[in-house]
ModelCIF file with pLDDT and N, C-alpha, C, O atoms, coordinates in Angstrom:
data_MODEL
#
_entry.id   MODEL 
#
_entity.id                         1 
_entity.type                       polymer 
_entity.pdbx_number_of_molecules   1 
#
_entity_poly.entity_id                      1 
_entity_poly.type                           'polypeptide(L)' 
_entity_poly.nstd_linkage                   no 
_entity_poly.nstd_monomer                   no 
_entity_poly.pdbx_seq_one_letter_code       SLRLSCAASGSTFSPYAMGWYRQAPGKQRELVAFITSGGSTNYNDS 
_entity_poly.pdbx_seq_one_letter_code_can   SLRLSCAASGSTFSPYAMGWYRQAPGKQRELVAFITSGGSTNYNDS 
_entity_poly.pdbx_strand_id                 A 
#
loop_
_entity_poly_seq.entity_id 
_entity_poly_seq.num 
_entity_poly_seq.mon_id 
_entity_poly_seq.hetero 
1 1  SER n 
1 2  LEU n 
1 3  ARG n 
1 4  LEU n 
1 5  SER n 
1 6  CYS n 
1 7  ALA n 
1 8  ALA n 
1 9  SER n 
1 10 GLY n 
1 11 SER n 
1 12 THR n 
1 13 PHE n 
1 14 SER n 
1 15 PRO n 
1 16 TYR n 
1 17 ALA n 
1 18 MET n 
1 19 GLY n 
1 20 TRP n 
1 21 TYR n 
1 22 ARG n 
1 23 GLN n 
1 24 ALA n 
1 25 PRO n 
1 26 GLY n 
1 27 LYS n 
1 28 GLN n 
1 29 ARG n 
1 30 GLU n 
1 31 LEU n 
1 32 VAL n 
1 33 ALA n 
1 34 PHE n 
1 35 ILE n 
1 36 THR n 
1 37 SER n 
1 38 GLY n 
1 39 GLY n 
1 40 SER n 
1 41 THR n 
1 42 ASN n 
1 43 TYR n 
1 44 ASN n 
1 45 ASP n 
1 46 SER n 
#
_struct_asym.id          A 
_struct_asym.entity_id   1 
#
loop_
_ma_qa_metric.id 
_ma_qa_metric.mode 
_ma_qa_metric.name 
_ma_qa_metric.software_group_id 
_ma_qa_metric.type 
1 global pLDDT . pLDDT 
2 local  pLDDT . pLDDT 
#
_ma_qa_metric_global.metric_id      1 
_ma_qa_metric_global.metric_value   95.57 
_ma_qa_metric_global.model_id       1 
_ma_qa_metric_global.ordinal_id     1 
#
loop_
_ma_qa_metric_local.label_asym_id 
_ma_qa_metric_local.label_comp_id 
_ma_qa_metric_local.label_seq_id 
_ma_qa_metric_local.metric_id 
_ma_qa_metric_local.metric_value 
_ma_qa_metric_local.model_id 
_ma_qa_metric_local.ordinal_id 
A SER 1  2 98.00 1 1  
A LEU 2  2 98.00 1 2  
A ARG 3  2 98.00 1 3  
A LEU 4  2 98.00 1 4  
A SER 5  2 98.00 1 5  
A CYS 6  2 98.00 1 6  
A ALA 7  2 97.00 1 7  
A ALA 8  2 95.00 1 8  
A SER 9  2 92.00 1 9  
A GLY 10 2 90.00 1 10 
A SER 11 2 85.00 1 11 
A THR 12 2 84.00 1 12 
A PHE 13 2 85.00 1 13 
A SER 14 2 88.00 1 14 
A PRO 15 2 91.00 1 15 
A TYR 16 2 93.00 1 16 
A ALA 17 2 96.00 1 17 
A MET 18 2 97.00 1 18 
A GLY 19 2 97.00 1 19 
A TRP 20 2 98.00 1 20 
A TYR 21 2 98.00 1 21 
A ARG 22 2 98.00 1 22 
A GLN 23 2 98.00 1 23 
A ALA 24 2 97.00 1 24 
A PRO 25 2 92.00 1 25 
A GLY 26 2 94.00 1 26 
A LYS 27 2 96.00 1 27 
A GLN 28 2 97.00 1 28 
A ARG 29 2 97.00 1 29 
A GLU 30 2 98.00 1 30 
A LEU 31 2 98.00 1 31 
A VAL 32 2 98.00 1 32 
A ALA 33 2 98.00 1 33 
A PHE 34 2 97.00 1 34 
A ILE 35 2 98.00 1 35 
A THR 36 2 96.00 1 36 
A SER 37 2 95.00 1 37 
A GLY 38 2 95.00 1 38 
A GLY 39 2 95.00 1 39 
A SER 40 2 97.00 1 40 
A THR 41 2 98.00 1 41 
A ASN 42 2 98.00 1 42 
A TYR 43 2 98.00 1 43 
A ASN 44 2 98.00 1 44 
A ASP 45 2 98.00 1 45 
A SER 46 2 98.00 1 46 
#
loop_
_atom_site.group_PDB 
_atom_site.id 
_atom_site.type_symbol 
_atom_site.label_atom_id 
_atom_site.label_alt_id 
_atom_site.label_comp_id 
_atom_site.label_asym_id 
_atom_site.label_entity_id 
_atom_site.label_seq_id 
_atom_site.pdbx_PDB_ins_code 
_atom_site.Cartn_x 
_atom_site.Cartn_y 
_atom_site.Cartn_z 
_atom_site.occupancy 
_atom_site.B_iso_or_equiv 
_atom_site.pdbx_formal_charge 
_atom_site.auth_seq_id 
_atom_site.auth_comp_id 
_atom_site.auth_asym_id 
_atom_site.auth_atom_id 
_atom_site.pdbx_PDB_model_num 
ATOM 1   N N  . SER A 1 1  ? 1.636   -12.922 13.825  1.00 98.00 ? 1  SER A N  1 
ATOM 2   C CA . SER A 1 1  ? 1.985   -11.306 13.216  1.00 98.00 ? 1  SER A CA 1 
ATOM 3   C C  . SER A 1 1  ? 2.598   -11.712 11.966  1.00 98.00 ? 1  SER A C  1 
ATOM 4   O O  . SER A 1 1  ? 2.981   -12.878 11.878  1.00 98.00 ? 1  SER A O  1 
ATOM 5   N N  . LEU A 1 2  ? 2.838   -10.429 10.378  1.00 98.00 ? 2  LEU A N  1 
ATOM 6   C CA . LEU A 1 2  ? 2.886   -11.218 8.992   1.00 98.00 ? 2  LEU A CA 1 
ATOM 7   C C  . LEU A 1 2  ? 4.111   -9.368  8.337   1.00 98.00 ? 2  LEU A C  1 
ATOM 8   O O  . LEU A 1 2  ? 3.600   -8.248  8.366   1.00 98.00 ? 2  LEU A O  1 
ATOM 9   N N  . ARG A 1 3  ? 4.863   -9.489  8.096   1.00 98.00 ? 3  ARG A N  1 
ATOM 10  C CA . ARG A 1 3  ? 5.946   -7.813  7.910   1.00 98.00 ? 3  ARG A CA 1 
ATOM 11  C C  . ARG A 1 3  ? 5.952   -8.308  6.161   1.00 98.00 ? 3  ARG A C  1 
ATOM 12  O O  . ARG A 1 3  ? 6.449   -9.398  5.874   1.00 98.00 ? 3  ARG A O  1 
ATOM 13  N N  . LEU A 1 4  ? 5.528   -7.662  5.372   1.00 98.00 ? 4  LEU A N  1 
ATOM 14  C CA . LEU A 1 4  ? 4.750   -7.769  3.787   1.00 98.00 ? 4  LEU A CA 1 
ATOM 15  C C  . LEU A 1 4  ? 5.936   -5.973  3.492   1.00 98.00 ? 4  LEU A C  1 
ATOM 16  O O  . LEU A 1 4  ? 5.843   -4.787  3.806   1.00 98.00 ? 4  LEU A O  1 
ATOM 17  N N  . SER A 1 5  ? 6.859   -6.810  2.775   1.00 98.00 ? 5  SER A N  1 
ATOM 18  C CA . SER A 1 5  ? 7.996   -5.690  1.745   1.00 98.00 ? 5  SER A CA 1 
ATOM 19  C C  . SER A 1 5  ? 7.833   -5.768  0.598   1.00 98.00 ? 5  SER A C  1 
ATOM 20  O O  . SER A 1 5  ? 7.687   -6.853  0.034   1.00 98.00 ? 5  SER A O  1 
ATOM 21  N N  . CYS A 1 6  ? 7.813   -4.015  -0.334  1.00 98.00 ? 6  CYS A N  1 
ATOM 22  C CA . CYS A 1 6  ? 7.195   -4.123  -1.367  1.00 98.00 ? 6  CYS A CA 1 
ATOM 23  C C  . CYS A 1 6  ? 8.547   -3.091  -2.146  1.00 98.00 ? 6  CYS A C  1 
ATOM 24  O O  . CYS A 1 6  ? 8.561   -1.964  -1.652  1.00 98.00 ? 6  CYS A O  1 
ATOM 25  N N  . ALA A 1 7  ? 9.659   -3.316  -3.269  1.00 97.00 ? 7  ALA A N  1 
ATOM 26  C CA . ALA A 1 7  ? 10.496  -3.076  -3.160  1.00 97.00 ? 7  ALA A CA 1 
ATOM 27  C C  . ALA A 1 7  ? 10.291  -3.045  -4.626  1.00 97.00 ? 7  ALA A C  1 
ATOM 28  O O  . ALA A 1 7  ? 9.972   -3.930  -5.421  1.00 97.00 ? 7  ALA A O  1 
ATOM 29  N N  . ALA A 1 8  ? 10.687  -1.201  -4.835  1.00 95.00 ? 8  ALA A N  1 
ATOM 30  C CA . ALA A 1 8  ? 10.969  -0.692  -6.363  1.00 95.00 ? 8  ALA A CA 1 
ATOM 31  C C  . ALA A 1 8  ? 11.827  -0.712  -6.429  1.00 95.00 ? 8  ALA A C  1 
ATOM 32  O O  . ALA A 1 8  ? 12.738  -0.840  -5.611  1.00 95.00 ? 8  ALA A O  1 
ATOM 33  N N  . SER A 1 9  ? 11.731  -0.480  -8.353  1.00 92.00 ? 9  SER A N  1 
ATOM 34  C CA . SER A 1 9  ? 13.121  0.230   -8.875  1.00 92.00 ? 9  SER A CA 1 
ATOM 35  C C  . SER A 1 9  ? 12.887  0.168   -9.581  1.00 92.00 ? 9  SER A C  1 
ATOM 36  O O  . SER A 1 9  ? 12.248  -0.833  -9.906  1.00 92.00 ? 9  SER A O  1 
ATOM 37  N N  . GLY A 1 10 ? 13.230  1.368   -10.683 1.00 90.00 ? 10 GLY A N  1 
ATOM 38  C CA . GLY A 1 10 ? 13.251  1.244   -12.296 1.00 90.00 ? 10 GLY A CA 1 
ATOM 39  C C  . GLY A 1 10 ? 12.478  2.788   -12.532 1.00 90.00 ? 10 GLY A C  1 
ATOM 40  O O  . GLY A 1 10 ? 11.996  3.209   -13.583 1.00 90.00 ? 10 GLY A O  1 
ATOM 41  N N  . SER A 1 11 ? 12.544  3.606   -10.926 1.00 85.00 ? 11 SER A N  1 
ATOM 42  C CA . SER A 1 11 ? 11.932  4.785   -10.803 1.00 85.00 ? 11 SER A CA 1 
ATOM 43  C C  . SER A 1 11 ? 12.609  5.208   -9.747  1.00 85.00 ? 11 SER A C  1 
ATOM 44  O O  . SER A 1 11 ? 13.068  4.403   -8.937  1.00 85.00 ? 11 SER A O  1 
ATOM 45  N N  . THR A 1 12 ? 12.848  7.347   -9.540  1.00 84.00 ? 12 THR A N  1 
ATOM 46  C CA . THR A 1 12 ? 12.881  7.391   -8.445  1.00 84.00 ? 12 THR A CA 1 
ATOM 47  C C  . THR A 1 12 ? 12.099  7.558   -7.791  1.00 84.00 ? 12 THR A C  1 
ATOM 48  O O  . THR A 1 12 ? 11.139  8.188   -8.234  1.00 84.00 ? 12 THR A O  1 
ATOM 49  N N  . PHE A 1 13 ? 12.069  7.098   -6.404  1.00 85.00 ? 13 PHE A N  1 
ATOM 50  C CA . PHE A 1 13 ? 11.122  6.087   -5.410  1.00 85.00 ? 13 PHE A CA 1 
ATOM 51  C C  . PHE A 1 13 ? 9.994   7.032   -4.460  1.00 85.00 ? 13 PHE A C  1 
ATOM 52  O O  . PHE A 1 13 ? 8.846   6.624   -4.288  1.00 85.00 ? 13 PHE A O  1 
ATOM 53  N N  . SER A 1 14 ? 10.479  8.331   -3.881  1.00 88.00 ? 14 SER A N  1 
ATOM 54  C CA . SER A 1 14 ? 10.165  9.307   -3.070  1.00 88.00 ? 14 SER A CA 1 
ATOM 55  C C  . SER A 1 14 ? 8.920   9.609   -2.953  1.00 88.00 ? 14 SER A C  1 
ATOM 56  O O  . SER A 1 14 ? 8.142   9.398   -2.022  1.00 88.00 ? 14 SER A O  1 
ATOM 57  N N  . PRO A 1 15 ? 8.637   10.582  -4.871  1.00 91.00 ? 15 PRO A N  1 
ATOM 58  C CA . PRO A 1 15 ? 7.290   10.840  -5.367  1.00 91.00 ? 15 PRO A CA 1 
ATOM 59  C C  . PRO A 1 15 ? 6.356   10.349  -5.085  1.00 91.00 ? 15 PRO A C  1 
ATOM 60  O O  . PRO A 1 15 ? 5.257   10.828  -4.806  1.00 91.00 ? 15 PRO A O  1 
ATOM 61  N N  . TYR A 1 16 ? 6.926   8.710   -5.160  1.00 93.00 ? 16 TYR A N  1 
ATOM 62  C CA . TYR A 1 16 ? 5.594   8.207   -5.070  1.00 93.00 ? 16 TYR A CA 1 
ATOM 63  C C  . TYR A 1 16 ? 4.671   8.318   -3.879  1.00 93.00 ? 16 TYR A C  1 
ATOM 64  O O  . TYR A 1 16 ? 5.342   8.513   -2.866  1.00 93.00 ? 16 TYR A O  1 
ATOM 65  N N  . ALA A 1 17 ? 3.302   8.262   -3.621  1.00 96.00 ? 17 ALA A N  1 
ATOM 66  C CA . ALA A 1 17 ? 2.937   7.557   -3.353  1.00 96.00 ? 17 ALA A CA 1 
ATOM 67  C C  . ALA A 1 17 ? 2.288   5.348   -2.845  1.00 96.00 ? 17 ALA A C  1 
ATOM 68  O O  . ALA A 1 17 ? 1.776   4.499   -3.574  1.00 96.00 ? 17 ALA A O  1 
ATOM 69  N N  . MET A 1 18 ? 2.594   5.308   -1.713  1.00 97.00 ? 18 MET A N  1 
ATOM 70  C CA . MET A 1 18 ? 2.666   3.726   -2.013  1.00 97.00 ? 18 MET A CA 1 
ATOM 71  C C  . MET A 1 18 ? 1.275   3.293   -1.225  1.00 97.00 ? 18 MET A C  1 
ATOM 72  O O  . MET A 1 18 ? 0.679   3.894   -0.330  1.00 97.00 ? 18 MET A O  1 
ATOM 73  N N  . GLY A 1 19 ? 0.929   1.872   -1.960  1.00 97.00 ? 19 GLY A N  1 
ATOM 74  C CA . GLY A 1 19 ? -0.463  1.828   -1.535  1.00 97.00 ? 19 GLY A CA 1 
ATOM 75  C C  . GLY A 1 19 ? -0.641  0.038   -1.413  1.00 97.00 ? 19 GLY A C  1 
ATOM 76  O O  . GLY A 1 19 ? -0.844  -0.612  -2.439  1.00 97.00 ? 19 GLY A O  1 
ATOM 77  N N  . TRP A 1 20 ? -0.540  -0.633  -0.067  1.00 98.00 ? 20 TRP A N  1 
ATOM 78  C CA . TRP A 1 20 ? -1.072  -1.817  0.269   1.00 98.00 ? 20 TRP A CA 1 
ATOM 79  C C  . TRP A 1 20 ? -2.709  -2.170  -0.557  1.00 98.00 ? 20 TRP A C  1 
ATOM 80  O O  . TRP A 1 20 ? -3.588  -1.332  -0.353  1.00 98.00 ? 20 TRP A O  1 
ATOM 81  N N  . TYR A 1 21 ? -3.019  -3.252  -1.355  1.00 98.00 ? 21 TYR A N  1 
ATOM 82  C CA . TYR A 1 21 ? -4.227  -3.555  -1.201  1.00 98.00 ? 21 TYR A CA 1 
ATOM 83  C C  . TYR A 1 21 ? -4.445  -5.430  -1.166  1.00 98.00 ? 21 TYR A C  1 
ATOM 84  O O  . TYR A 1 21 ? -3.610  -6.271  -1.498  1.00 98.00 ? 21 TYR A O  1 
ATOM 85  N N  . ARG A 1 22 ? -5.590  -5.612  -0.743  1.00 98.00 ? 22 ARG A N  1 
ATOM 86  C CA . ARG A 1 22 ? -5.693  -6.972  -0.967  1.00 98.00 ? 22 ARG A CA 1 
ATOM 87  C C  . ARG A 1 22 ? -7.062  -7.396  -1.716  1.00 98.00 ? 22 ARG A C  1 
ATOM 88  O O  . ARG A 1 22 ? -7.911  -6.534  -1.942  1.00 98.00 ? 22 ARG A O  1 
ATOM 89  N N  . GLN A 1 23 ? -7.231  -8.560  -2.044  1.00 98.00 ? 23 GLN A N  1 
ATOM 90  C CA . GLN A 1 23 ? -8.077  -9.513  -3.056  1.00 98.00 ? 23 GLN A CA 1 
ATOM 91  C C  . GLN A 1 23 ? -8.387  -10.594 -2.635  1.00 98.00 ? 23 GLN A C  1 
ATOM 92  O O  . GLN A 1 23 ? -7.756  -11.604 -2.948  1.00 98.00 ? 23 GLN A O  1 
ATOM 93  N N  . ALA A 1 24 ? -9.772  -10.619 -1.568  1.00 97.00 ? 24 ALA A N  1 
ATOM 94  C CA . ALA A 1 24 ? -9.885  -12.318 -1.394  1.00 97.00 ? 24 ALA A CA 1 
ATOM 95  C C  . ALA A 1 24 ? -10.727 -12.221 -2.535  1.00 97.00 ? 24 ALA A C  1 
ATOM 96  O O  . ALA A 1 24 ? -11.199 -11.348 -3.262  1.00 97.00 ? 24 ALA A O  1 
ATOM 97  N N  . PRO A 1 25 ? -10.734 -13.998 -2.352  1.00 92.00 ? 25 PRO A N  1 
ATOM 98  C CA . PRO A 1 25 ? -10.802 -14.339 -2.930  1.00 92.00 ? 25 PRO A CA 1 
ATOM 99  C C  . PRO A 1 25 ? -13.626 -14.452 -3.478  1.00 92.00 ? 25 PRO A C  1 
ATOM 100 O O  . PRO A 1 25 ? -14.694 -14.718 -2.925  1.00 92.00 ? 25 PRO A O  1 
ATOM 101 N N  . GLY A 1 26 ? -13.106 -14.047 -4.679  1.00 94.00 ? 26 GLY A N  1 
ATOM 102 C CA . GLY A 1 26 ? -14.984 -14.303 -4.923  1.00 94.00 ? 26 GLY A CA 1 
ATOM 103 C C  . GLY A 1 26 ? -14.670 -12.563 -3.954  1.00 94.00 ? 26 GLY A C  1 
ATOM 104 O O  . GLY A 1 26 ? -15.401 -12.475 -2.968  1.00 94.00 ? 26 GLY A O  1 
ATOM 105 N N  . LYS A 1 27 ? -13.911 -11.568 -4.126  1.00 96.00 ? 27 LYS A N  1 
ATOM 106 C CA . LYS A 1 27 ? -14.632 -9.920  -3.544  1.00 96.00 ? 27 LYS A CA 1 
ATOM 107 C C  . LYS A 1 27 ? -13.163 -9.118  -4.349  1.00 96.00 ? 27 LYS A C  1 
ATOM 108 O O  . LYS A 1 27 ? -12.175 -9.697  -4.802  1.00 96.00 ? 27 LYS A O  1 
ATOM 109 N N  . GLN A 1 28 ? -13.365 -8.053  -4.331  1.00 97.00 ? 28 GLN A N  1 
ATOM 110 C CA . GLN A 1 28 ? -13.480 -7.037  -5.130  1.00 97.00 ? 28 GLN A CA 1 
ATOM 111 C C  . GLN A 1 28 ? -12.148 -6.448  -3.607  1.00 97.00 ? 28 GLN A C  1 
ATOM 112 O O  . GLN A 1 28 ? -12.143 -6.213  -2.399  1.00 97.00 ? 28 GLN A O  1 
ATOM 113 N N  . ARG A 1 29 ? -11.176 -6.478  -4.867  1.00 97.00 ? 29 ARG A N  1 
ATOM 114 C CA . ARG A 1 29 ? -9.762  -5.382  -4.909  1.00 97.00 ? 29 ARG A CA 1 
ATOM 115 C C  . ARG A 1 29 ? -9.960  -4.577  -4.277  1.00 97.00 ? 29 ARG A C  1 
ATOM 116 O O  . ARG A 1 29 ? -10.775 -3.784  -4.749  1.00 97.00 ? 29 ARG A O  1 
ATOM 117 N N  . GLU A 1 30 ? -9.138  -4.067  -2.201  1.00 98.00 ? 30 GLU A N  1 
ATOM 118 C CA . GLU A 1 30 ? -9.628  -3.305  -1.420  1.00 98.00 ? 30 GLU A CA 1 
ATOM 119 C C  . GLU A 1 30 ? -8.302  -2.352  -0.900  1.00 98.00 ? 30 GLU A C  1 
ATOM 120 O O  . GLU A 1 30 ? -7.151  -2.740  -1.099  1.00 98.00 ? 30 GLU A O  1 
ATOM 121 N N  . LEU A 1 31 ? -8.596  -1.082  -0.224  1.00 98.00 ? 31 LEU A N  1 
ATOM 122 C CA . LEU A 1 31 ? -7.708  -0.797  -0.193  1.00 98.00 ? 31 LEU A CA 1 
ATOM 123 C C  . LEU A 1 31 ? -6.681  -0.849  1.305   1.00 98.00 ? 31 LEU A C  1 
ATOM 124 O O  . LEU A 1 31 ? -7.050  0.132   1.952   1.00 98.00 ? 31 LEU A O  1 
ATOM 125 N N  . VAL A 1 32 ? -5.846  -1.399  1.899   1.00 98.00 ? 32 VAL A N  1 
ATOM 126 C CA . VAL A 1 32 ? -5.207  -1.656  3.301   1.00 98.00 ? 32 VAL A CA 1 
ATOM 127 C C  . VAL A 1 32 ? -4.952  0.020   3.660   1.00 98.00 ? 32 VAL A C  1 
ATOM 128 O O  . VAL A 1 32 ? -5.570  1.085   3.648   1.00 98.00 ? 32 VAL A O  1 
ATOM 129 N N  . ALA A 1 33 ? -4.195  -0.288  3.843   1.00 98.00 ? 33 ALA A N  1 
ATOM 130 C CA . ALA A 1 33 ? -3.165  1.582   3.480   1.00 98.00 ? 33 ALA A CA 1 
ATOM 131 C C  . ALA A 1 33 ? -2.323  1.645   3.190   1.00 98.00 ? 33 ALA A C  1 
ATOM 132 O O  . ALA A 1 33 ? -1.536  0.765   2.841   1.00 98.00 ? 33 ALA A O  1 
ATOM 133 N N  . PHE A 1 34 ? -2.121  3.886   3.302   1.00 97.00 ? 34 PHE A N  1 
ATOM 134 C CA . PHE A 1 34 ? -1.729  4.272   2.342   1.00 97.00 ? 34 PHE A CA 1 
ATOM 135 C C  . PHE A 1 34 ? -0.789  5.083   2.805   1.00 97.00 ? 34 PHE A C  1 
ATOM 136 O O  . PHE A 1 34 ? -0.939  5.701   3.859   1.00 97.00 ? 34 PHE A O  1 
ATOM 137 N N  . ILE A 1 35 ? 0.602   5.192   1.843   1.00 98.00 ? 35 ILE A N  1 
ATOM 138 C CA . ILE A 1 35 ? 1.320   6.438   2.606   1.00 98.00 ? 35 ILE A CA 1 
ATOM 139 C C  . ILE A 1 35 ? 1.778   7.442   1.552   1.00 98.00 ? 35 ILE A C  1 
ATOM 140 O O  . ILE A 1 35 ? 2.705   7.219   0.774   1.00 98.00 ? 35 ILE A O  1 
ATOM 141 N N  . THR A 1 36 ? 1.103   8.497   1.583   1.00 96.00 ? 36 THR A N  1 
ATOM 142 C CA . THR A 1 36 ? 2.078   9.532   0.921   1.00 96.00 ? 36 THR A CA 1 
ATOM 143 C C  . THR A 1 36 ? 3.564   9.900   0.813   1.00 96.00 ? 36 THR A C  1 
ATOM 144 O O  . THR A 1 36 ? 4.390   9.444   1.604   1.00 96.00 ? 36 THR A O  1 
ATOM 145 N N  . SER A 1 37 ? 3.788   10.484  0.115   1.00 95.00 ? 37 SER A N  1 
ATOM 146 C CA . SER A 1 37 ? 5.304   10.743  -0.430  1.00 95.00 ? 37 SER A CA 1 
ATOM 147 C C  . SER A 1 37 ? 6.031   12.300  1.228   1.00 95.00 ? 37 SER A C  1 
ATOM 148 O O  . SER A 1 37 ? 7.071   12.642  1.792   1.00 95.00 ? 37 SER A O  1 
ATOM 149 N N  . GLY A 1 38 ? 4.922   12.549  1.213   1.00 95.00 ? 38 GLY A N  1 
ATOM 150 C CA . GLY A 1 38 ? 4.949   12.486  3.211   1.00 95.00 ? 38 GLY A CA 1 
ATOM 151 C C  . GLY A 1 38 ? 4.998   11.630  3.980   1.00 95.00 ? 38 GLY A C  1 
ATOM 152 O O  . GLY A 1 38 ? 4.250   12.002  4.885   1.00 95.00 ? 38 GLY A O  1 
ATOM 153 N N  . GLY A 1 39 ? 5.310   10.897  4.178   1.00 95.00 ? 39 GLY A N  1 
ATOM 154 C CA . GLY A 1 39 ? 4.903   10.498  5.218   1.00 95.00 ? 39 GLY A CA 1 
ATOM 155 C C  . GLY A 1 39 ? 3.395   9.854   5.770   1.00 95.00 ? 39 GLY A C  1 
ATOM 156 O O  . GLY A 1 39 ? 3.234   8.706   6.183   1.00 95.00 ? 39 GLY A O  1 
ATOM 157 N N  . SER A 1 40 ? 1.880   11.392  5.607   1.00 97.00 ? 40 SER A N  1 
ATOM 158 C CA . SER A 1 40 ? 0.612   11.068  5.584   1.00 97.00 ? 40 SER A CA 1 
ATOM 159 C C  . SER A 1 40 ? 0.338   9.748   5.328   1.00 97.00 ? 40 SER A C  1 
ATOM 160 O O  . SER A 1 40 ? 0.701   9.384   4.210   1.00 97.00 ? 40 SER A O  1 
ATOM 161 N N  . THR A 1 41 ? -0.261  8.806   6.107   1.00 98.00 ? 41 THR A N  1 
ATOM 162 C CA . THR A 1 41 ? -1.255  7.341   6.018   1.00 98.00 ? 41 THR A CA 1 
ATOM 163 C C  . THR A 1 41 ? -2.575  7.330   6.539   1.00 98.00 ? 41 THR A C  1 
ATOM 164 O O  . THR A 1 41 ? -3.033  8.239   7.232   1.00 98.00 ? 41 THR A O  1 
ATOM 165 N N  . ASN A 1 42 ? -3.055  6.524   6.280   1.00 98.00 ? 42 ASN A N  1 
ATOM 166 C CA . ASN A 1 42 ? -4.529  6.322   5.937   1.00 98.00 ? 42 ASN A CA 1 
ATOM 167 C C  . ASN A 1 42 ? -5.003  4.617   5.800   1.00 98.00 ? 42 ASN A C  1 
ATOM 168 O O  . ASN A 1 42 ? -4.900  3.896   4.808   1.00 98.00 ? 42 ASN A O  1 
ATOM 169 N N  . TYR A 1 43 ? -5.549  4.281   7.160   1.00 98.00 ? 43 TYR A N  1 
ATOM 170 C CA . TYR A 1 43 ? -5.531  2.909   7.230   1.00 98.00 ? 43 TYR A CA 1 
ATOM 171 C C  . TYR A 1 43 ? -6.848  3.230   6.310   1.00 98.00 ? 43 TYR A C  1 
ATOM 172 O O  . TYR A 1 43 ? -7.369  4.282   5.940   1.00 98.00 ? 43 TYR A O  1 
ATOM 173 N N  . ASN A 1 44 ? -7.313  1.093   6.002   1.00 98.00 ? 44 ASN A N  1 
ATOM 174 C CA . ASN A 1 44 ? -9.218  0.956   5.821   1.00 98.00 ? 44 ASN A CA 1 
ATOM 175 C C  . ASN A 1 44 ? -9.137  0.744   7.292   1.00 98.00 ? 44 ASN A C  1 
ATOM 176 O O  . ASN A 1 44 ? -8.201  0.818   8.088   1.00 98.00 ? 44 ASN A O  1 
ATOM 177 N N  . ASP A 1 45 ? -10.926 0.338   7.463   1.00 98.00 ? 45 ASP A N  1 
ATOM 178 C CA . ASP A 1 45 ? -10.843 0.943   9.389   1.00 98.00 ? 45 ASP A CA 1 
ATOM 179 C C  . ASP A 1 45 ? -11.389 -0.147  9.262   1.00 98.00 ? 45 ASP A C  1 
ATOM 180 O O  . ASP A 1 45 ? -12.541 0.009   9.666   1.00 98.00 ? 45 ASP A O  1 
ATOM 181 N N  . SER A 1 46 ? -11.170 -1.673  8.777   1.00 98.00 ? 46 SER A N  1 
ATOM 182 C CA . SER A 1 46 ? -10.463 -3.691  10.244  1.00 98.00 ? 46 SER A CA 1 
ATOM 183 C C  . SER A 1 46 ? -9.349  -3.732  10.340  1.00 98.00 ? 46 SER A C  1 
ATOM 184 O O  . SER A 1 46 ? -8.819  -4.624  11.002  1.00 98.00 ? 46 SER A O  1 
#
């Protein structure tokens, strides 16, 4: 297991929808997980 963190600064954070993406060597960047300002989430099937 690992826990990634993303710290935001420079603007009010709460209105933003936030996402984690990943890019493997030789592949396109893909969405991993997404969370809206209201807390709804969505995940890559993988």
